[in-house]
Amino acid sequence: MEIWDIYDKNRNKTGKTIIRGKDVLGKGEYHNIVFIAVFNSAGQMLIQQRQPFKEGWSGYWDVTAAGSATSGDTSQQAAARELFEEVGITADFSEVLPHFTIYLDNHFADFYLHKQDVDIESLQLGEDEVAQVKWATKQEIFAMMEEGIFVPIQPGSLELCFGLIENRSTLTVQT
């Protein structure tokens, strides 16, 4: 059972929680989701293929890791947890703000960009969530979107991820 904190439109905790899949967020209620995109020094994004038995977008390709903040989590804690649970990468986001946030329906979608060259053969993938991983260029990901095998994420958010990586040389590398 996964419990989410409920926030108001200004990202203040309301003191209320909901149970994922059981309760529904009301008007003016929000919860926090995180997306983590790992990039290598060649500018490729590490993407994952969701397990065929995973609920929601089964078998589709997705960004490196994503998920919901659970009750008591900060956005940064959720990002570190999801990255480790899904692909086995340890990173400390405690001193990092999201690179950008998209406000969708009842969600705050925080995007974290992490630059690290990792050997994908040595990653410990979350067996319940991830079938496989690979490095992909922006063009390859957009081709996968057109083919209908990549989760329907907003193309502008992917453009922004790649744009920030291409034009920003000061991302913190955490190993």
C-alpha atoms as a PDB file:
ATOM      1  CA  MET A   1       0.000   0.000   0.000  1.00  0.00           C
ATOM      2  CA  GLU A   2       1.435   3.347  -1.068  1.00  0.00           C
ATOM      3  CA  ILE A   3       0.363   6.483   0.803  1.00  0.00           C
ATOM      4  CA  TRP A   4       0.763   9.941  -0.742  1.00  0.00           C
ATOM      5  CA  ASP A   5       0.829  13.314   0.989  1.00  0.00           C
ATOM      6  CA  ILE A   6      -1.670  15.805  -0.396  1.00  0.00           C
ATOM      7  CA  TYR A   7      -0.460  19.306  -1.283  1.00  0.00           C
ATOM      8  CA  ASP A   8      -2.244  22.532  -2.129  1.00  0.00           C
ATOM      9  CA  LYS A   9      -1.530  24.471  -5.341  1.00  0.00           C
ATOM     10  CA  ASN A  10       1.422  26.209  -3.648  1.00  0.00           C
ATOM     11  CA  ARG A  11       3.091  22.891  -2.748  1.00  0.00           C
ATOM     12  CA  ASN A  12       2.217  23.158   0.929  1.00  0.00           C
ATOM     13  CA  LYS A  13       1.299  19.890   2.622  1.00  0.00           C
ATOM     14  CA  THR A  14      -2.344  19.923   3.655  1.00  0.00           C
ATOM     15  CA  GLY A  15      -1.867  17.329   6.399  1.00  0.00           C
ATOM     16  CA  LYS A  16      -4.072  14.890   4.487  1.00  0.00           C
ATOM     17  CA  THR A  17      -3.011  11.715   2.704  1.00  0.00           C
ATOM     18  CA  ILE A  18      -4.517   9.325   0.181  1.00  0.00           C
ATOM     19  CA  ILE A  19      -3.928   5.679  -0.655  1.00  0.00           C
ATOM     20  CA  ARG A  20      -2.702   5.101  -4.207  1.00  0.00           C
ATOM     21  CA  GLY A  21      -5.269   3.352  -6.359  1.00  0.00           C
ATOM     22  CA  LYS A  22      -7.971   3.556  -3.694  1.00  0.00           C
ATOM     23  CA  ASP A  23      -8.555   7.241  -3.007  1.00  0.00           C
ATOM     24  CA  VAL A  24      -8.957  10.031  -5.529  1.00  0.00           C
ATOM     25  CA  LEU A  25      -7.490  13.502  -5.291  1.00  0.00           C
ATOM     26  CA  GLY A  26     -10.116  16.223  -5.015  1.00  0.00           C
ATOM     27  CA  LYS A  27     -10.279  19.606  -6.705  1.00  0.00           C
ATOM     28  CA  GLY A  28      -7.287  21.713  -5.665  1.00  0.00           C
ATOM     29  CA  GLU A  29      -5.402  18.698  -4.281  1.00  0.00           C
ATOM     30  CA  TYR A  30      -2.041  17.601  -5.675  1.00  0.00           C
ATOM     31  CA  HIS A  31       0.617  14.978  -5.185  1.00  0.00           C
ATOM     32  CA  ASN A  32       4.275  14.943  -6.163  1.00  0.00           C
ATOM     33  CA  ILE A  33       5.740  12.752  -8.885  1.00  0.00           C
ATOM     34  CA  VAL A  34       9.367  12.682  -9.976  1.00  0.00           C
ATOM     35  CA  PHE A  35      11.175  11.909 -13.199  1.00  0.00           C
ATOM     36  CA  ILE A  36      14.902  11.227 -13.232  1.00  0.00           C
ATOM     37  CA  ALA A  37      16.837  11.314 -16.499  1.00  0.00           C
ATOM     38  CA  VAL A  38      20.406  10.032 -16.382  1.00  0.00           C
ATOM     39  CA  PHE A  39      22.687  11.202 -19.171  1.00  0.00           C
ATOM     40  CA  ASN A  40      26.140   9.984 -20.140  1.00  0.00           C
ATOM     41  CA  SER A  41      29.019  12.154 -21.347  1.00  0.00           C
ATOM     42  CA  ALA A  42      27.943  11.507 -24.953  1.00  0.00           C
ATOM     43  CA  GLY A  43      24.604  13.207 -24.247  1.00  0.00           C
ATOM     44  CA  GLN A  44      22.558  10.009 -24.407  1.00  0.00           C
ATOM     45  CA  MET A  45      19.755   9.325 -21.954  1.00  0.00           C
ATOM     46  CA  LEU A  46      19.546   6.058 -20.056  1.00  0.00           C
ATOM     47  CA  ILE A  47      16.055   4.724 -20.748  1.00  0.00           C
ATOM     48  CA  GLN A  48      14.241   1.752 -19.295  1.00  0.00           C
ATOM     49  CA  GLN A  49      11.701  -0.673 -20.657  1.00  0.00           C
ATOM     50  CA  ARG A  50       8.885  -1.308 -18.214  1.00  0.00           C
ATOM     51  CA  GLN A  51       8.154  -4.930 -17.336  1.00  0.00           C
ATOM     52  CA  PRO A  52       5.353  -6.502 -19.423  1.00  0.00           C
ATOM     53  CA  PHE A  53       3.414  -7.304 -16.236  1.00  0.00           C
ATOM     54  CA  LYS A  54       3.822  -3.812 -14.709  1.00  0.00           C
ATOM     55  CA  GLU A  55       0.557  -1.948 -14.316  1.00  0.00           C
ATOM     56  CA  GLY A  56       0.408   1.121 -16.540  1.00  0.00           C
ATOM     57  CA  TRP A  57       2.334   1.356 -19.804  1.00  0.00           C
ATOM     58  CA  SER A  58       3.452  -2.271 -19.656  1.00  0.00           C
ATOM     59  CA  GLY A  59       6.361  -2.999 -21.987  1.00  0.00           C
ATOM     60  CA  TYR A  60       6.796   0.655 -22.970  1.00  0.00           C
ATOM     61  CA  TRP A  61      10.115   2.495 -22.858  1.00  0.00           C
ATOM     62  CA  ASP A  62      10.424   5.353 -20.372  1.00  0.00           C
ATOM     63  CA  VAL A  63      12.927   7.832 -18.899  1.00  0.00           C
ATOM     64  CA  THR A  64      15.528   6.399 -16.529  1.00  0.00           C
ATOM     65  CA  ALA A  65      13.227   6.340 -13.497  1.00  0.00           C
ATOM     66  CA  ALA A  66       9.953   7.852 -12.359  1.00  0.00           C
ATOM     67  CA  GLY A  67       7.449   7.498  -9.581  1.00  0.00           C
ATOM     68  CA  SER A  68       5.477   9.121  -6.820  1.00  0.00           C
ATOM     69  CA  ALA A  69       6.729  10.655  -3.619  1.00  0.00           C
ATOM     70  CA  THR A  70       5.328   8.644  -0.745  1.00  0.00           C
ATOM     71  CA  SER A  71       4.131  10.134   2.516  1.00  0.00           C
ATOM     72  CA  GLY A  72       6.979  11.859   4.335  1.00  0.00           C
ATOM     73  CA  ASP A  73       9.236  12.035   1.263  1.00  0.00           C
ATOM     74  CA  THR A  74      10.683  15.212  -0.106  1.00  0.00           C
ATOM     75  CA  SER A  75      10.861  15.398  -3.875  1.00  0.00           C
ATOM     76  CA  GLN A  76      14.621  14.838  -3.619  1.00  0.00           C
ATOM     77  CA  GLN A  77      14.210  11.728  -1.434  1.00  0.00           C
ATOM     78  CA  ALA A  78      11.651  10.330  -3.877  1.00  0.00           C
ATOM     79  CA  ALA A  79      14.016  10.941  -6.809  1.00  0.00           C
ATOM     80  CA  ALA A  80      16.917   9.157  -5.078  1.00  0.00           C
ATOM     81  CA  ARG A  81      14.692   6.255  -4.014  1.00  0.00           C
ATOM     82  CA  GLU A  82      13.098   5.744  -7.436  1.00  0.00           C
ATOM     83  CA  LEU A  83      16.467   5.902  -9.223  1.00  0.00           C
ATOM     84  CA  PHE A  84      17.916   3.270  -6.904  1.00  0.00           C
ATOM     85  CA  GLU A  85      14.827   1.013  -6.866  1.00  0.00           C
ATOM     86  CA  GLU A  86      14.419   0.994 -10.629  1.00  0.00           C
ATOM     87  CA  VAL A  87      17.964   0.943 -12.000  1.00  0.00           C
ATOM     88  CA  GLY A  88      20.272   0.542  -9.002  1.00  0.00           C
ATOM     89  CA  ILE A  89      21.982   3.937  -9.301  1.00  0.00           C
ATOM     90  CA  THR A  90      22.773   5.700  -6.038  1.00  0.00           C
ATOM     91  CA  ALA A  91      22.598   9.499  -6.170  1.00  0.00           C
ATOM     92  CA  ASP A  92      22.230  12.209  -3.573  1.00  0.00           C
ATOM     93  CA  PHE A  93      19.688  14.850  -4.596  1.00  0.00           C
ATOM     94  CA  SER A  94      19.416  16.372  -1.105  1.00  0.00           C
ATOM     95  CA  GLU A  95      21.114  19.616  -2.165  1.00  0.00           C
ATOM     96  CA  VAL A  96      19.546  19.745  -5.635  1.00  0.00           C
ATOM     97  CA  LEU A  97      16.355  21.432  -6.747  1.00  0.00           C
ATOM     98  CA  PRO A  98      14.394  19.903  -9.623  1.00  0.00           C
ATOM     99  CA  HIS A  99      15.750  21.180 -12.930  1.00  0.00           C
ATOM    100  CA  PHE A 100      12.154  21.985 -13.870  1.00  0.00           C
ATOM    101  CA  THR A 101       8.611  21.183 -12.805  1.00  0.00           C
ATOM    102  CA  ILE A 102       5.521  20.624 -14.909  1.00  0.00           C
ATOM    103  CA  TYR A 103       2.107  21.050 -13.321  1.00  0.00           C
ATOM    104  CA  LEU A 104      -0.305  18.421 -14.640  1.00  0.00           C
ATOM    105  CA  ASP A 105      -3.869  17.962 -13.465  1.00  0.00           C
ATOM    106  CA  ASN A 106      -3.357  17.002  -9.814  1.00  0.00           C
ATOM    107  CA  HIS A 107       0.414  16.424  -9.984  1.00  0.00           C
ATOM    108  CA  PHE A 108       3.618  18.346  -9.528  1.00  0.00           C
ATOM    109  CA  ALA A 109       6.000  16.573 -11.919  1.00  0.00           C
ATOM    110  CA  ASP A 110       9.574  17.352 -10.841  1.00  0.00           C
ATOM    111  CA  PHE A 111      12.315  16.544 -13.358  1.00  0.00           C
ATOM    112  CA  TYR A 112      15.845  15.790 -12.181  1.00  0.00           C
ATOM    113  CA  LEU A 113      18.767  15.507 -14.588  1.00  0.00           C
ATOM    114  CA  HIS A 114      21.752  13.470 -13.495  1.00  0.00           C
ATOM    115  CA  LYS A 115      24.958  13.152 -15.480  1.00  0.00           C
ATOM    116  CA  GLN A 116      26.883   9.929 -14.931  1.00  0.00           C
ATOM    117  CA  ASP A 117      28.602   7.417 -17.169  1.00  0.00           C
ATOM    118  CA  VAL A 118      27.401   4.030 -15.976  1.00  0.00           C
ATOM    119  CA  ASP A 119      28.017   0.549 -17.286  1.00  0.00           C
ATOM    120  CA  ILE A 120      24.478  -0.638 -17.967  1.00  0.00           C
ATOM    121  CA  GLU A 121      25.595  -4.270 -17.750  1.00  0.00           C
ATOM    122  CA  SER A 122      26.441  -3.781 -14.071  1.00  0.00           C
ATOM    123  CA  LEU A 123      23.149  -2.152 -13.053  1.00  0.00           C
ATOM    124  CA  GLN A 124      20.856  -3.943 -10.607  1.00  0.00           C
ATOM    125  CA  LEU A 125      17.453  -3.497 -12.244  1.00  0.00           C
ATOM    126  CA  GLY A 126      14.291  -3.563 -10.161  1.00  0.00           C
ATOM    127  CA  GLU A 127      12.855  -6.923 -11.270  1.00  0.00           C
ATOM    128  CA  ASP A 128       9.284  -5.874 -10.510  1.00  0.00           C
ATOM    129  CA  GLU A 129       9.562  -2.752 -12.639  1.00  0.00           C
ATOM    130  CA  VAL A 130      12.315  -2.789 -15.277  1.00  0.00           C
ATOM    131  CA  ALA A 131      12.840  -5.346 -18.046  1.00  0.00           C
ATOM    132  CA  GLN A 132      15.921  -3.755 -19.617  1.00  0.00           C
ATOM    133  CA  VAL A 133      17.805  -0.484 -20.082  1.00  0.00           C
ATOM    134  CA  LYS A 134      19.781   1.125 -22.880  1.00  0.00           C
ATOM    135  CA  TRP A 135      21.371   4.430 -23.851  1.00  0.00           C
ATOM    136  CA  ALA A 136      19.419   6.438 -26.444  1.00  0.00           C
ATOM    137  CA  THR A 137      19.815   9.708 -28.302  1.00  0.00           C
ATOM    138  CA  LYS A 138      17.094  12.330 -28.506  1.00  0.00           C
ATOM    139  CA  GLN A 139      16.379  11.270 -32.093  1.00  0.00           C
ATOM    140  CA  GLU A 140      16.037   7.610 -31.083  1.00  0.00           C
ATOM    141  CA  ILE A 141      13.616   8.483 -28.276  1.00  0.00           C
ATOM    142  CA  PHE A 142      11.465  10.659 -30.532  1.00  0.00           C
ATOM    143  CA  ALA A 143      11.387   7.849 -33.112  1.00  0.00           C
ATOM    144  CA  MET A 144      10.212   5.485 -30.343  1.00  0.00           C
ATOM    145  CA  MET A 145       7.495   7.993 -29.433  1.00  0.00           C
ATOM    146  CA  GLU A 146       6.317   8.106 -33.046  1.00  0.00           C
ATOM    147  CA  GLU A 147       6.357   4.314 -33.145  1.00  0.00           C
ATOM    148  CA  GLY A 148       4.157   4.271 -30.035  1.00  0.00           C
ATOM    149  CA  ILE A 149       6.577   2.307 -27.830  1.00  0.00           C
ATOM    150  CA  PHE A 150       7.667   5.144 -25.511  1.00  0.00           C
ATOM    151  CA  VAL A 151       5.378   6.371 -22.720  1.00  0.00           C
ATOM    152  CA  PRO A 152       3.389   9.390 -23.873  1.00  0.00           C
ATOM    153  CA  ILE A 153       5.441  12.008 -22.092  1.00  0.00           C
ATOM    154  CA  GLN A 154       5.202  15.611 -23.246  1.00  0.00           C
ATOM    155  CA  PRO A 155       7.722  16.021 -26.096  1.00  0.00           C
ATOM    156  CA  GLY A 156       8.580  19.506 -24.823  1.00  0.00           C
ATOM    157  CA  SER A 157       9.764  18.098 -21.506  1.00  0.00           C
ATOM    158  CA  LEU A 158      12.138  15.709 -23.299  1.00  0.00           C
ATOM    159  CA  GLU A 159      13.375  18.554 -25.501  1.00  0.00           C
ATOM    160  CA  LEU A 160      14.035  20.570 -22.361  1.00  0.00           C
ATOM    161  CA  CYS A 161      15.940  17.693 -20.730  1.00  0.00           C
ATOM    162  CA  PHE A 162      18.221  17.283 -23.720  1.00  0.00           C
ATOM    163  CA  GLY A 163      18.564  21.063 -24.174  1.00  0.00           C
ATOM    164  CA  LEU A 164      19.646  21.540 -20.578  1.00  0.00           C
ATOM    165  CA  ILE A 165      22.197  18.744 -20.859  1.00  0.00           C
ATOM    166  CA  GLU A 166      23.574  20.050 -24.164  1.00  0.00           C
ATOM    167  CA  ASN A 167      23.902  23.640 -22.935  1.00  0.00           C
ATOM    168  CA  ARG A 168      24.872  23.129 -19.348  1.00  0.00           C
ATOM    169  CA  SER A 169      28.296  21.979 -18.303  1.00  0.00           C
ATOM    170  CA  THR A 170      27.836  22.377 -14.554  1.00  0.00           C
ATOM    171  CA  LEU A 171      25.515  19.498 -13.692  1.00  0.00           C
ATOM    172  CA  THR A 172      26.807  17.805 -10.593  1.00  0.00           C
ATOM    173  CA  VAL A 173      28.168  14.343 -11.213  1.00  0.00           C
ATOM    174  CA  GLN A 174      27.446  12.131  -8.231  1.00  0.00           C
ATOM    175  CA  THR A 175      28.935   8.666  -8.033  1.00  0.00           C
END
